[in-house]
Amino acid sequence: MEIRIGIINTGRELSFETAASADEVRTQVSSALEQSTPHLSFADVKGNSYLVPTAQLAYIELGTEESRRVGFVA
C-alpha cells in the first residue's frame, strides 16, 4: 500500500510503499495523536524506516491495497 504524508512548511510530501494494511496505519496514527506521541515510525517494503513528527503532520493519504495490474487487459 502506498502512503503519502504531508508535513507542515515542507513543499514536498513523503511517499513510500508499505506492507502494513490501511487499518494498521490508521490505528497507529490515531493512537499516536491521542497520546501526544512526539514521533510516528513507519517502515517501507525495502526496509527503510521513517520518523515523522506528529506536531508537523499536515495530512496522511492512504492508497489502495490492491496490486497494480501489469500487461494488457482484454
N, C-alpha and C. Protein backbone atom coordinates (compact mmCIF):
# COMPACT_ATOMS: atom_id res chain seq x y z
N MET A 1 0.84 -1.16 0.00
CA MET A 1 0.00 0.00 0.00
C MET A 1 0.90 1.24 0.00
N GLU A 2 0.49 2.25 -0.74
CA GLU A 2 1.25 3.49 -0.81
C GLU A 2 0.74 4.47 0.25
N ILE A 3 1.67 5.12 0.91
CA ILE A 3 1.35 6.15 1.91
C ILE A 3 2.00 7.45 1.47
N ARG A 4 1.24 8.53 1.53
CA ARG A 4 1.76 9.87 1.28
C ARG A 4 1.52 10.70 2.52
N ILE A 5 2.58 11.34 3.00
CA ILE A 5 2.50 12.13 4.23
C ILE A 5 2.91 13.56 3.91
N GLY A 6 2.01 14.49 4.21
CA GLY A 6 2.31 15.90 4.05
C GLY A 6 2.79 16.46 5.38
N ILE A 7 3.86 17.24 5.32
CA ILE A 7 4.44 17.82 6.52
C ILE A 7 4.35 19.34 6.41
N ILE A 8 3.92 19.98 7.50
CA ILE A 8 3.74 21.44 7.52
C ILE A 8 5.05 22.14 7.19
N ASN A 9 4.97 23.21 6.41
CA ASN A 9 6.10 24.05 6.00
C ASN A 9 7.13 23.29 5.16
N THR A 10 6.69 22.26 4.47
CA THR A 10 7.55 21.50 3.57
C THR A 10 6.86 21.41 2.22
N GLY A 11 7.58 21.75 1.17
CA GLY A 11 6.99 21.76 -0.16
C GLY A 11 6.74 20.39 -0.75
N ARG A 12 7.46 19.40 -0.29
CA ARG A 12 7.30 18.05 -0.83
C ARG A 12 6.65 17.15 0.20
N GLU A 13 6.09 16.06 -0.31
CA GLU A 13 5.48 15.08 0.59
C GLU A 13 6.37 13.85 0.67
N LEU A 14 6.21 13.10 1.73
CA LEU A 14 6.92 11.85 1.91
C LEU A 14 6.04 10.74 1.36
N SER A 15 6.55 9.96 0.41
CA SER A 15 5.76 8.93 -0.25
C SER A 15 6.55 7.63 -0.27
N PHE A 16 5.91 6.53 0.15
CA PHE A 16 6.57 5.23 0.16
C PHE A 16 5.54 4.11 0.17
N GLU A 17 5.99 2.91 -0.17
CA GLU A 17 5.15 1.70 -0.16
C GLU A 17 5.40 0.95 1.14
N THR A 18 4.34 0.46 1.76
CA THR A 18 4.46 -0.30 2.99
C THR A 18 3.67 -1.60 2.90
N ALA A 19 4.07 -2.57 3.70
CA ALA A 19 3.36 -3.85 3.74
C ALA A 19 2.20 -3.82 4.74
N ALA A 20 2.12 -2.78 5.55
CA ALA A 20 1.04 -2.67 6.55
C ALA A 20 -0.29 -2.38 5.86
N SER A 21 -1.36 -2.81 6.49
CA SER A 21 -2.69 -2.55 5.95
C SER A 21 -3.14 -1.14 6.31
N ALA A 22 -4.17 -0.67 5.64
CA ALA A 22 -4.70 0.68 5.90
C ALA A 22 -5.22 0.79 7.33
N ASP A 23 -5.86 -0.26 7.83
CA ASP A 23 -6.37 -0.24 9.20
C ASP A 23 -5.24 -0.16 10.23
N GLU A 24 -4.14 -0.86 9.98
CA GLU A 24 -2.99 -0.79 10.88
C GLU A 24 -2.41 0.62 10.94
N VAL A 25 -2.30 1.25 9.78
CA VAL A 25 -1.74 2.60 9.73
C VAL A 25 -2.69 3.58 10.41
N ARG A 26 -3.99 3.47 10.14
CA ARG A 26 -4.98 4.35 10.79
C ARG A 26 -4.92 4.22 12.31
N THR A 27 -4.85 3.00 12.81
CA THR A 27 -4.77 2.76 14.25
C THR A 27 -3.51 3.35 14.84
N GLN A 28 -2.38 3.16 14.15
CA GLN A 28 -1.10 3.70 14.63
C GLN A 28 -1.13 5.22 14.70
N VAL A 29 -1.65 5.87 13.66
CA VAL A 29 -1.70 7.33 13.63
C VAL A 29 -2.68 7.86 14.67
N SER A 30 -3.84 7.26 14.77
CA SER A 30 -4.84 7.71 15.74
C SER A 30 -4.33 7.61 17.17
N SER A 31 -3.73 6.49 17.51
CA SER A 31 -3.23 6.33 18.88
C SER A 31 -2.08 7.28 19.17
N ALA A 32 -1.22 7.54 18.19
CA ALA A 32 -0.12 8.48 18.39
C ALA A 32 -0.63 9.90 18.61
N LEU A 33 -1.66 10.30 17.88
CA LEU A 33 -2.22 11.64 18.04
C LEU A 33 -2.98 11.77 19.36
N GLU A 34 -3.70 10.74 19.76
CA GLU A 34 -4.45 10.78 21.02
C GLU A 34 -3.53 10.82 22.24
N GLN A 35 -2.40 10.11 22.15
CA GLN A 35 -1.47 10.03 23.28
C GLN A 35 -0.40 11.11 23.22
N SER A 36 -0.46 12.00 22.25
CA SER A 36 0.52 13.07 22.06
C SER A 36 1.95 12.54 21.94
N THR A 37 2.09 11.45 21.20
CA THR A 37 3.41 10.88 20.93
C THR A 37 4.17 11.84 20.02
N PRO A 38 5.44 12.14 20.31
CA PRO A 38 6.17 13.13 19.52
C PRO A 38 6.49 12.69 18.08
N HIS A 39 6.64 11.37 17.85
CA HIS A 39 7.01 10.89 16.51
C HIS A 39 6.21 9.65 16.13
N LEU A 40 5.98 9.52 14.84
CA LEU A 40 5.41 8.30 14.27
C LEU A 40 6.52 7.57 13.54
N SER A 41 6.51 6.27 13.60
CA SER A 41 7.53 5.47 12.93
C SER A 41 6.86 4.60 11.87
N PHE A 42 7.39 4.64 10.65
CA PHE A 42 6.89 3.83 9.55
C PHE A 42 8.05 3.07 8.93
N ALA A 43 7.76 1.92 8.33
CA ALA A 43 8.76 1.14 7.60
C ALA A 43 8.21 0.83 6.22
N ASP A 44 9.07 0.93 5.20
CA ASP A 44 8.61 0.62 3.85
C ASP A 44 8.98 -0.81 3.46
N VAL A 45 8.60 -1.20 2.26
CA VAL A 45 8.82 -2.58 1.81
C VAL A 45 10.29 -2.87 1.54
N LYS A 46 11.12 -1.85 1.40
CA LYS A 46 12.55 -2.03 1.14
C LYS A 46 13.37 -2.11 2.42
N GLY A 47 12.72 -1.92 3.57
CA GLY A 47 13.43 -1.99 4.84
C GLY A 47 13.83 -0.64 5.41
N ASN A 48 13.53 0.45 4.71
CA ASN A 48 13.83 1.78 5.22
C ASN A 48 12.83 2.15 6.30
N SER A 49 13.27 2.95 7.27
CA SER A 49 12.35 3.41 8.30
C SER A 49 12.28 4.93 8.29
N TYR A 50 11.12 5.46 8.66
CA TYR A 50 10.86 6.89 8.64
C TYR A 50 10.29 7.32 9.97
N LEU A 51 10.81 8.41 10.52
CA LEU A 51 10.27 9.03 11.73
C LEU A 51 9.66 10.36 11.32
N VAL A 52 8.38 10.54 11.65
CA VAL A 52 7.66 11.75 11.27
C VAL A 52 7.15 12.42 12.55
N PRO A 53 7.45 13.71 12.74
CA PRO A 53 6.95 14.40 13.94
C PRO A 53 5.44 14.61 13.85
N THR A 54 4.71 14.19 14.87
CA THR A 54 3.25 14.28 14.85
C THR A 54 2.77 15.73 14.89
N ALA A 55 3.54 16.61 15.50
CA ALA A 55 3.14 18.02 15.58
C ALA A 55 3.19 18.70 14.22
N GLN A 56 3.92 18.14 13.28
CA GLN A 56 4.09 18.75 11.96
C GLN A 56 3.28 18.07 10.86
N LEU A 57 2.39 17.14 11.22
CA LEU A 57 1.59 16.44 10.21
C LEU A 57 0.56 17.37 9.58
N ALA A 58 0.54 17.44 8.27
CA ALA A 58 -0.49 18.18 7.56
C ALA A 58 -1.59 17.21 7.13
N TYR A 59 -1.21 16.07 6.56
CA TYR A 59 -2.17 15.04 6.13
C TYR A 59 -1.45 13.72 5.93
N ILE A 60 -2.22 12.65 5.93
CA ILE A 60 -1.73 11.31 5.58
C ILE A 60 -2.72 10.72 4.60
N GLU A 61 -2.24 10.39 3.42
CA GLU A 61 -3.08 9.81 2.37
C GLU A 61 -2.72 8.33 2.23
N LEU A 62 -3.73 7.49 2.38
CA LEU A 62 -3.53 6.05 2.26
C LEU A 62 -4.03 5.58 0.91
N GLY A 63 -3.17 4.91 0.17
CA GLY A 63 -3.55 4.40 -1.15
C GLY A 63 -4.32 3.10 -1.03
N THR A 64 -4.68 2.55 -2.16
CA THR A 64 -5.42 1.29 -2.17
C THR A 64 -4.48 0.14 -1.88
N GLU A 65 -5.04 -0.94 -1.38
CA GLU A 65 -4.25 -2.11 -1.06
C GLU A 65 -4.18 -3.10 -2.22
N GLU A 66 -4.87 -2.81 -3.31
CA GLU A 66 -4.86 -3.71 -4.46
C GLU A 66 -3.54 -3.55 -5.21
N SER A 67 -3.05 -4.66 -5.74
CA SER A 67 -1.84 -4.58 -6.54
C SER A 67 -2.19 -4.10 -7.94
N ARG A 68 -1.26 -3.42 -8.54
CA ARG A 68 -1.49 -2.91 -9.90
C ARG A 68 -1.40 -4.04 -10.91
N ARG A 69 -2.23 -3.94 -11.92
CA ARG A 69 -2.21 -4.94 -12.98
C ARG A 69 -1.11 -4.59 -13.97
N VAL A 70 -0.44 -5.62 -14.44
CA VAL A 70 0.63 -5.43 -15.41
C VAL A 70 0.22 -6.11 -16.70
N GLY A 71 0.45 -5.44 -17.81
CA GLY A 71 0.12 -6.03 -19.09
C GLY A 71 -1.17 -5.48 -19.66
N PHE A 72 -1.63 -6.13 -20.70
CA PHE A 72 -2.84 -5.69 -21.39
C PHE A 72 -4.03 -6.50 -20.90
N VAL A 73 -5.11 -5.80 -20.65
CA VAL A 73 -6.33 -6.45 -20.19
C VAL A 73 -7.30 -6.49 -21.36
N ALA A 74 -7.82 -7.65 -21.67
CA ALA A 74 -8.73 -7.79 -22.82
C ALA A 74 -10.16 -7.55 -22.42
